[in-house]
């Protein structure tokens, strides 16, 4: 899982997703998040895109995304709603994180920015991922979750 292996493909996939998303959800804020949004971060190659919409536009945005062919993977209907969707026919797996503007889920952007700004933090994340990768997807996901749980909630 070398950090640069997917960077060019991920950047192109993000740009394609951003073009589509801004055309179908012109009022949404579109942000590249996740490891492929951070130079030097280890990534298996999937691209995460945050789609932030006003609270009162969440259901409509979800409907537009599904109508556009996105496959809904999950939905969280807590105080701050969140839905994960997969974009079909992308050359690299693209996951959309539909969130409400101003919600706790905006931590996706804060974590990305922290990793971009702090090389030691990025090195810790890369080490945690590398140590867990050989133990399968569940271990990898658990290692990432433990790492993110150590970050301050801002």
N, C-alpha and C. Protein backbone atom coordinates (compact mmCIF):
# COMPACT_ATOMS: atom_id res chain seq x y z
N UNK A 1 0.84 -1.18 0.00
CA UNK A 1 0.00 0.00 0.00
C UNK A 1 0.88 1.24 0.00
N UNK A 2 1.72 1.41 -0.99
CA UNK A 2 2.58 2.59 -1.05
C UNK A 2 1.77 3.87 -1.21
N UNK A 3 2.20 4.95 -0.58
CA UNK A 3 1.40 6.17 -0.58
C UNK A 3 1.20 6.79 -1.95
N UNK A 4 2.15 6.62 -2.84
CA UNK A 4 2.03 7.30 -4.13
C UNK A 4 1.37 6.44 -5.20
N UNK A 5 1.18 5.16 -4.92
CA UNK A 5 0.65 4.24 -5.92
C UNK A 5 -0.68 4.71 -6.51
N UNK A 6 -1.55 5.20 -5.68
CA UNK A 6 -2.89 5.58 -6.13
C UNK A 6 -3.08 7.08 -6.28
N UNK A 7 -2.09 7.90 -5.95
CA UNK A 7 -2.31 9.35 -5.91
C UNK A 7 -2.84 9.93 -7.24
N UNK A 8 -2.23 9.59 -8.36
CA UNK A 8 -2.68 10.16 -9.64
C UNK A 8 -4.08 9.68 -9.99
N UNK A 9 -4.33 8.38 -9.84
CA UNK A 9 -5.65 7.84 -10.15
C UNK A 9 -6.70 8.40 -9.20
N UNK A 10 -6.33 8.56 -7.93
CA UNK A 10 -7.26 9.10 -6.94
C UNK A 10 -7.59 10.56 -7.25
N UNK A 11 -6.59 11.33 -7.62
CA UNK A 11 -6.83 12.75 -7.95
C UNK A 11 -7.77 12.86 -9.14
N UNK A 12 -7.55 12.04 -10.15
CA UNK A 12 -8.43 12.07 -11.34
C UNK A 12 -9.85 11.63 -10.98
N UNK A 13 -9.97 10.59 -10.15
CA UNK A 13 -11.29 10.12 -9.74
C UNK A 13 -12.02 11.18 -8.94
N UNK A 14 -11.28 11.88 -8.05
CA UNK A 14 -11.91 12.95 -7.29
C UNK A 14 -12.40 14.06 -8.22
N UNK A 15 -11.56 14.47 -9.16
CA UNK A 15 -11.95 15.54 -10.09
C UNK A 15 -13.20 15.17 -10.87
N UNK A 16 -13.28 13.91 -11.34
CA UNK A 16 -14.47 13.45 -12.07
C UNK A 16 -15.70 13.49 -11.16
N UNK A 17 -15.54 13.02 -9.93
CA UNK A 17 -16.66 13.02 -8.98
C UNK A 17 -17.10 14.44 -8.67
N UNK A 18 -16.13 15.32 -8.46
CA UNK A 18 -16.46 16.72 -8.15
C UNK A 18 -17.25 17.36 -9.29
N UNK A 19 -16.86 17.11 -10.52
CA UNK A 19 -17.60 17.66 -11.67
C UNK A 19 -19.05 17.18 -11.68
N UNK A 20 -19.24 15.90 -11.50
CA UNK A 20 -20.59 15.35 -11.49
C UNK A 20 -21.39 15.91 -10.32
N UNK A 21 -20.79 15.88 -9.14
CA UNK A 21 -21.52 16.30 -7.94
C UNK A 21 -21.90 17.77 -7.97
N UNK A 22 -21.02 18.63 -8.45
CA UNK A 22 -21.37 20.05 -8.52
C UNK A 22 -22.46 20.30 -9.55
N UNK A 23 -22.57 19.42 -10.56
CA UNK A 23 -23.62 19.62 -11.55
C UNK A 23 -24.98 19.15 -11.04
N UNK A 24 -25.01 18.11 -10.20
CA UNK A 24 -26.30 17.61 -9.72
C UNK A 24 -26.69 18.16 -8.35
N UNK A 25 -25.69 18.65 -7.60
CA UNK A 25 -25.95 19.26 -6.29
C UNK A 25 -25.20 20.59 -6.21
N UNK A 26 -25.67 21.59 -6.95
CA UNK A 26 -24.91 22.84 -7.05
C UNK A 26 -24.72 23.59 -5.73
N UNK A 27 -25.56 23.34 -4.75
CA UNK A 27 -25.44 24.05 -3.48
C UNK A 27 -24.63 23.28 -2.44
N UNK A 28 -24.16 22.11 -2.79
CA UNK A 28 -23.38 21.29 -1.85
C UNK A 28 -21.93 21.76 -1.82
N UNK A 29 -21.28 21.53 -0.69
CA UNK A 29 -19.84 21.75 -0.58
C UNK A 29 -19.19 20.39 -0.79
N UNK A 30 -18.31 20.30 -1.75
CA UNK A 30 -17.66 19.04 -2.12
C UNK A 30 -16.20 19.11 -1.66
N UNK A 31 -15.75 18.11 -0.90
CA UNK A 31 -14.40 18.10 -0.35
C UNK A 31 -13.78 16.72 -0.53
N UNK A 32 -12.54 16.67 -0.97
CA UNK A 32 -11.77 15.42 -1.03
C UNK A 32 -11.26 15.15 0.38
N UNK A 33 -11.63 14.02 0.95
CA UNK A 33 -11.21 13.65 2.29
C UNK A 33 -10.61 12.25 2.25
N UNK A 34 -10.16 11.77 3.37
CA UNK A 34 -9.58 10.44 3.43
C UNK A 34 -8.11 10.45 3.01
N UNK A 35 -7.51 9.28 3.00
CA UNK A 35 -6.07 9.17 2.77
C UNK A 35 -5.63 9.68 1.41
N UNK A 36 -6.44 9.48 0.39
CA UNK A 36 -6.01 9.94 -0.94
C UNK A 36 -6.00 11.45 -1.06
N UNK A 37 -6.55 12.14 -0.07
CA UNK A 37 -6.54 13.60 -0.07
C UNK A 37 -5.31 14.16 0.65
N UNK A 38 -4.48 13.26 1.17
CA UNK A 38 -3.31 13.67 1.95
C UNK A 38 -2.06 13.11 1.28
N UNK A 39 -1.22 13.99 0.76
CA UNK A 39 0.02 13.55 0.11
C UNK A 39 0.86 12.74 1.10
N UNK A 40 1.29 11.56 0.66
CA UNK A 40 2.13 10.72 1.49
C UNK A 40 1.38 9.76 2.39
N UNK A 41 0.06 9.83 2.41
CA UNK A 41 -0.71 8.91 3.25
C UNK A 41 -0.84 7.56 2.55
N UNK A 42 -0.72 6.50 3.33
CA UNK A 42 -0.92 5.16 2.78
C UNK A 42 -2.40 4.96 2.53
N UNK A 43 -2.71 4.38 1.38
CA UNK A 43 -4.10 4.18 1.01
C UNK A 43 -4.23 2.95 0.12
N UNK A 44 -5.27 2.17 0.33
CA UNK A 44 -5.52 1.07 -0.60
C UNK A 44 -6.09 1.58 -1.92
N UNK A 45 -6.38 2.88 -2.00
CA UNK A 45 -6.77 3.46 -3.28
C UNK A 45 -8.16 3.99 -3.40
N UNK A 46 -9.04 3.68 -2.49
CA UNK A 46 -10.39 4.22 -2.58
C UNK A 46 -10.41 5.70 -2.25
N UNK A 47 -11.26 6.43 -2.96
CA UNK A 47 -11.37 7.88 -2.79
C UNK A 47 -12.61 8.18 -1.96
N UNK A 48 -12.45 9.02 -0.93
CA UNK A 48 -13.58 9.47 -0.13
C UNK A 48 -13.86 10.92 -0.47
N UNK A 49 -15.14 11.19 -0.73
CA UNK A 49 -15.57 12.54 -1.07
C UNK A 49 -16.67 12.92 -0.08
N UNK A 50 -16.47 14.05 0.58
CA UNK A 50 -17.48 14.56 1.50
C UNK A 50 -18.41 15.49 0.72
N UNK A 51 -19.70 15.26 0.88
CA UNK A 51 -20.73 16.09 0.26
C UNK A 51 -21.53 16.69 1.41
N UNK A 52 -21.29 17.97 1.69
CA UNK A 52 -21.96 18.64 2.81
C UNK A 52 -23.11 19.47 2.28
N UNK A 53 -24.29 19.24 2.85
CA UNK A 53 -25.49 19.97 2.44
C UNK A 53 -26.19 20.52 3.69
N UNK A 54 -26.98 21.58 3.54
CA UNK A 54 -27.74 22.08 4.68
C UNK A 54 -28.66 20.99 5.24
N UNK A 55 -28.92 21.06 6.55
CA UNK A 55 -29.74 20.04 7.21
C UNK A 55 -31.07 19.80 6.48
N UNK A 56 -31.70 20.88 6.06
CA UNK A 56 -33.02 20.72 5.43
C UNK A 56 -32.94 20.21 3.99
N UNK A 57 -31.74 20.03 3.47
CA UNK A 57 -31.57 19.53 2.10
C UNK A 57 -31.02 18.11 2.07
N UNK A 58 -30.81 17.49 3.23
CA UNK A 58 -30.18 16.17 3.29
C UNK A 58 -30.99 15.12 2.52
N UNK A 59 -32.29 15.01 2.82
CA UNK A 59 -33.11 13.97 2.18
C UNK A 59 -33.17 14.17 0.67
N UNK A 60 -33.31 15.41 0.24
CA UNK A 60 -33.36 15.69 -1.20
C UNK A 60 -32.03 15.33 -1.86
N UNK A 61 -30.92 15.69 -1.22
CA UNK A 61 -29.60 15.38 -1.77
C UNK A 61 -29.40 13.87 -1.86
N UNK A 62 -29.82 13.14 -0.84
CA UNK A 62 -29.71 11.69 -0.86
C UNK A 62 -30.51 11.11 -2.04
N UNK A 63 -31.70 11.63 -2.25
CA UNK A 63 -32.52 11.18 -3.37
C UNK A 63 -31.87 11.47 -4.71
N UNK A 64 -31.29 12.65 -4.85
CA UNK A 64 -30.61 13.03 -6.10
C UNK A 64 -29.43 12.09 -6.37
N UNK A 65 -28.66 11.79 -5.34
CA UNK A 65 -27.50 10.91 -5.50
C UNK A 65 -27.92 9.50 -5.91
N UNK A 66 -28.97 8.99 -5.27
CA UNK A 66 -29.46 7.65 -5.62
C UNK A 66 -30.02 7.65 -7.04
N UNK A 67 -30.75 8.70 -7.39
CA UNK A 67 -31.29 8.82 -8.75
C UNK A 67 -30.18 8.89 -9.79
N UNK A 68 -29.03 9.46 -9.43
CA UNK A 68 -27.89 9.56 -10.33
C UNK A 68 -27.13 8.24 -10.44
N UNK A 69 -27.56 7.23 -9.70
CA UNK A 69 -26.94 5.91 -9.80
C UNK A 69 -26.03 5.53 -8.65
N UNK A 70 -25.89 6.40 -7.66
CA UNK A 70 -25.06 6.06 -6.50
C UNK A 70 -25.78 4.99 -5.68
N UNK A 71 -25.02 4.09 -5.10
CA UNK A 71 -25.57 2.99 -4.32
C UNK A 71 -25.40 3.31 -2.84
N UNK A 72 -26.52 3.41 -2.14
CA UNK A 72 -26.46 3.73 -0.72
C UNK A 72 -25.94 2.52 0.05
N UNK A 73 -24.90 2.74 0.86
CA UNK A 73 -24.28 1.67 1.65
C UNK A 73 -24.74 1.71 3.11
N UNK A 74 -24.94 2.90 3.63
CA UNK A 74 -25.37 3.01 5.02
C UNK A 74 -26.01 4.38 5.24
N UNK A 75 -26.74 4.48 6.34
CA UNK A 75 -27.30 5.77 6.73
C UNK A 75 -27.39 5.81 8.24
N UNK A 76 -26.97 6.94 8.79
CA UNK A 76 -27.02 7.17 10.23
C UNK A 76 -27.98 8.32 10.45
N UNK A 77 -29.03 8.06 11.21
CA UNK A 77 -30.05 9.09 11.43
C UNK A 77 -30.01 9.64 12.85
N UNK A 78 -28.83 9.81 13.38
CA UNK A 78 -28.68 10.41 14.71
C UNK A 78 -28.94 11.91 14.57
N UNK A 79 -28.58 12.67 15.60
CA UNK A 79 -28.78 14.12 15.55
C UNK A 79 -28.09 14.73 14.34
N UNK A 80 -26.92 14.21 14.01
CA UNK A 80 -26.18 14.62 12.80
C UNK A 80 -26.24 13.46 11.81
N UNK A 81 -27.03 13.64 10.78
CA UNK A 81 -27.21 12.54 9.83
C UNK A 81 -26.01 12.39 8.91
N UNK A 82 -25.82 11.16 8.46
CA UNK A 82 -24.70 10.79 7.59
C UNK A 82 -25.14 9.61 6.74
N UNK A 83 -24.78 9.63 5.48
CA UNK A 83 -25.03 8.47 4.61
C UNK A 83 -23.78 8.23 3.78
N UNK A 84 -23.44 6.97 3.60
CA UNK A 84 -22.32 6.58 2.74
C UNK A 84 -22.89 5.96 1.47
N UNK A 85 -22.36 6.41 0.34
CA UNK A 85 -22.82 5.91 -0.95
C UNK A 85 -21.61 5.59 -1.82
N UNK A 86 -21.75 4.62 -2.70
CA UNK A 86 -20.70 4.29 -3.65
C UNK A 86 -21.08 4.85 -5.01
N UNK A 87 -20.09 5.42 -5.68
CA UNK A 87 -20.33 5.92 -7.04
C UNK A 87 -20.06 4.77 -8.02
N UNK A 88 -21.00 4.50 -8.91
CA UNK A 88 -20.80 3.41 -9.86
C UNK A 88 -19.86 3.79 -10.99
N UNK A 89 -19.27 2.78 -11.58
CA UNK A 89 -18.47 2.93 -12.81
C UNK A 89 -17.29 3.88 -12.67
N UNK A 90 -16.79 4.06 -11.48
CA UNK A 90 -15.59 4.88 -11.30
C UNK A 90 -14.37 3.99 -11.50
N UNK A 91 -13.31 4.50 -12.13
CA UNK A 91 -12.12 3.67 -12.35
C UNK A 91 -11.41 3.30 -11.04
N UNK A 92 -11.66 4.06 -10.01
CA UNK A 92 -11.14 3.83 -8.66
C UNK A 92 -12.38 3.86 -7.76
N UNK A 93 -12.46 2.98 -6.75
CA UNK A 93 -13.64 3.05 -5.87
C UNK A 93 -13.80 4.44 -5.25
N UNK A 94 -15.00 5.00 -5.39
CA UNK A 94 -15.30 6.33 -4.83
C UNK A 94 -16.47 6.18 -3.86
N UNK A 95 -16.24 6.60 -2.62
CA UNK A 95 -17.28 6.58 -1.61
C UNK A 95 -17.65 8.02 -1.26
N UNK A 96 -18.94 8.29 -1.31
CA UNK A 96 -19.43 9.62 -0.92
C UNK A 96 -19.87 9.57 0.53
N UNK A 97 -19.48 10.58 1.27
CA UNK A 97 -19.91 10.75 2.66
C UNK A 97 -20.85 11.96 2.66
N UNK A 98 -22.16 11.69 2.60
CA UNK A 98 -23.16 12.76 2.61
C UNK A 98 -23.39 13.16 4.06
N UNK A 99 -23.15 14.43 4.37
CA UNK A 99 -23.30 14.93 5.75
C UNK A 99 -24.09 16.23 5.75
N UNK A 100 -24.50 16.61 6.94
CA UNK A 100 -25.17 17.89 7.13
C UNK A 100 -24.13 18.95 7.47
N UNK A 101 -24.21 20.07 6.80
CA UNK A 101 -23.31 21.19 7.07
C UNK A 101 -23.41 21.58 8.54
N UNK A 102 -22.26 21.79 9.16
CA UNK A 102 -22.22 22.18 10.56
C UNK A 102 -22.31 21.02 11.54
N UNK A 103 -22.37 19.80 11.03
CA UNK A 103 -22.49 18.63 11.90
C UNK A 103 -21.13 18.17 12.42
N UNK A 104 -21.17 17.26 13.36
CA UNK A 104 -19.93 16.67 13.89
C UNK A 104 -19.15 15.94 12.80
N UNK A 105 -19.83 15.54 11.75
CA UNK A 105 -19.17 14.82 10.65
C UNK A 105 -18.21 15.70 9.86
N UNK A 106 -18.25 17.00 10.09
CA UNK A 106 -17.27 17.87 9.43
C UNK A 106 -15.86 17.61 9.95
N UNK A 107 -15.75 16.72 10.95
CA UNK A 107 -14.43 16.29 11.42
C UNK A 107 -13.65 15.63 10.29
N UNK A 108 -14.33 15.14 9.26
CA UNK A 108 -13.64 14.57 8.10
C UNK A 108 -12.65 15.57 7.51
N UNK A 109 -13.05 16.82 7.40
CA UNK A 109 -12.17 17.84 6.86
C UNK A 109 -11.11 18.26 7.87
N UNK A 110 -11.48 18.33 9.15
CA UNK A 110 -10.50 18.71 10.18
C UNK A 110 -9.38 17.67 10.29
N UNK A 111 -9.73 16.40 10.23
CA UNK A 111 -8.71 15.34 10.29
C UNK A 111 -7.81 15.41 9.06
N UNK A 112 -8.40 15.57 7.89
CA UNK A 112 -7.61 15.71 6.66
C UNK A 112 -6.62 16.86 6.80
N UNK A 113 -7.10 18.01 7.27
CA UNK A 113 -6.24 19.18 7.40
C UNK A 113 -5.14 18.96 8.44
N UNK A 114 -5.47 18.27 9.53
CA UNK A 114 -4.47 17.97 10.56
C UNK A 114 -3.38 17.05 10.01
N UNK A 115 -3.77 16.05 9.24
CA UNK A 115 -2.80 15.13 8.65
C UNK A 115 -1.92 15.84 7.62
N UNK A 116 -2.49 16.77 6.89
CA UNK A 116 -1.70 17.54 5.92
C UNK A 116 -0.69 18.44 6.62
N UNK A 117 -1.05 18.94 7.80
CA UNK A 117 -0.22 19.93 8.50
C UNK A 117 0.82 19.31 9.43
N UNK A 118 0.65 18.06 9.81
CA UNK A 118 1.51 17.47 10.86
C UNK A 118 2.11 16.15 10.36
N UNK A 119 3.36 16.21 9.94
CA UNK A 119 4.04 15.03 9.39
C UNK A 119 4.14 13.90 10.40
N UNK A 120 4.29 14.23 11.68
CA UNK A 120 4.41 13.17 12.69
C UNK A 120 3.06 12.46 12.89
N UNK A 121 1.98 13.20 12.81
CA UNK A 121 0.65 12.61 12.91
C UNK A 121 0.42 11.68 11.72
N UNK A 122 0.79 12.12 10.53
CA UNK A 122 0.65 11.30 9.34
C UNK A 122 1.51 10.04 9.45
N UNK A 123 2.72 10.17 9.96
CA UNK A 123 3.61 9.01 10.13
C UNK A 123 2.99 8.00 11.10
N UNK A 124 2.36 8.49 12.17
CA UNK A 124 1.70 7.58 13.12
C UNK A 124 0.56 6.83 12.46
N UNK A 125 -0.24 7.53 11.66
CA UNK A 125 -1.35 6.88 10.96
C UNK A 125 -0.81 5.84 9.97
N UNK A 126 0.19 6.21 9.20
CA UNK A 126 0.77 5.28 8.23
C UNK A 126 1.31 4.04 8.92
N UNK A 127 1.97 4.22 10.06
CA UNK A 127 2.52 3.08 10.80
C UNK A 127 1.40 2.17 11.31
N UNK A 128 0.34 2.76 11.84
CA UNK A 128 -0.79 1.97 12.33
C UNK A 128 -1.42 1.16 11.20
N UNK A 129 -1.58 1.79 10.05
CA UNK A 129 -2.15 1.09 8.90
C UNK A 129 -1.23 -0.03 8.42
N UNK A 130 0.05 0.25 8.32
CA UNK A 130 1.01 -0.74 7.84
C UNK A 130 1.06 -1.95 8.77
N UNK A 131 1.07 -1.71 10.08
CA UNK A 131 1.10 -2.81 11.05
C UNK A 131 -0.14 -3.69 10.94
N UNK A 132 -1.28 -3.09 10.66
CA UNK A 132 -2.54 -3.84 10.65
C UNK A 132 -2.86 -4.45 9.29
N UNK A 133 -2.31 -3.94 8.22
CA UNK A 133 -2.69 -4.36 6.87
C UNK A 133 -2.52 -5.86 6.64
N UNK A 134 -1.48 -6.43 7.17
CA UNK A 134 -1.22 -7.86 6.95
C UNK A 134 -2.22 -8.76 7.67
N UNK A 135 -3.01 -8.19 8.56
CA UNK A 135 -3.94 -8.97 9.37
C UNK A 135 -5.37 -8.92 8.86
N UNK A 136 -5.57 -8.36 7.67
CA UNK A 136 -6.89 -8.35 7.06
C UNK A 136 -7.65 -7.05 7.23
N UNK A 137 -8.78 -6.98 6.53
CA UNK A 137 -9.58 -5.76 6.51
C UNK A 137 -10.11 -5.35 7.88
N UNK A 138 -10.55 -6.32 8.66
CA UNK A 138 -11.12 -5.99 9.98
C UNK A 138 -10.05 -5.38 10.89
N UNK A 139 -8.85 -5.95 10.87
CA UNK A 139 -7.76 -5.42 11.69
C UNK A 139 -7.36 -4.03 11.20
N UNK A 140 -7.35 -3.85 9.89
CA UNK A 140 -7.01 -2.55 9.29
C UNK A 140 -8.02 -1.49 9.74
N UNK A 141 -9.31 -1.82 9.62
CA UNK A 141 -10.36 -0.88 10.02
C UNK A 141 -10.29 -0.58 11.52
N UNK A 142 -10.01 -1.60 12.33
CA UNK A 142 -9.92 -1.40 13.77
C UNK A 142 -8.73 -0.51 14.13
N UNK A 143 -7.61 -0.71 13.44
CA UNK A 143 -6.42 0.12 13.72
C UNK A 143 -6.69 1.57 13.36
N UNK A 144 -7.34 1.80 12.22
CA UNK A 144 -7.69 3.18 11.84
C UNK A 144 -8.63 3.79 12.88
N UNK A 145 -9.64 3.04 13.31
CA UNK A 145 -10.60 3.56 14.29
C UNK A 145 -9.90 3.91 15.60
N UNK A 146 -8.99 3.04 16.07
CA UNK A 146 -8.25 3.34 17.29
C UNK A 146 -7.43 4.62 17.13
N UNK A 147 -6.78 4.77 15.97
CA UNK A 147 -5.98 5.97 15.73
C UNK A 147 -6.87 7.21 15.79
N UNK A 148 -7.98 7.21 15.08
CA UNK A 148 -8.84 8.39 15.03
C UNK A 148 -9.48 8.68 16.38
N UNK A 149 -9.68 7.64 17.19
CA UNK A 149 -10.22 7.85 18.55
C UNK A 149 -9.24 8.59 19.44
N UNK A 150 -7.93 8.55 19.11
CA UNK A 150 -6.94 9.24 19.93
C UNK A 150 -6.86 10.74 19.61
N UNK A 151 -7.46 11.14 18.49
CA UNK A 151 -7.38 12.56 18.09
C UNK A 151 -8.35 13.40 18.92
N UNK A 152 -7.94 14.62 19.24
CA UNK A 152 -8.86 15.49 19.99
C UNK A 152 -10.10 15.81 19.16
N UNK A 153 -11.22 15.88 19.82
CA UNK A 153 -12.48 16.26 19.17
C UNK A 153 -12.53 17.77 19.10
N UNK A 154 -12.50 18.31 17.89
CA UNK A 154 -12.50 19.79 17.75
C UNK A 154 -13.74 20.22 17.04
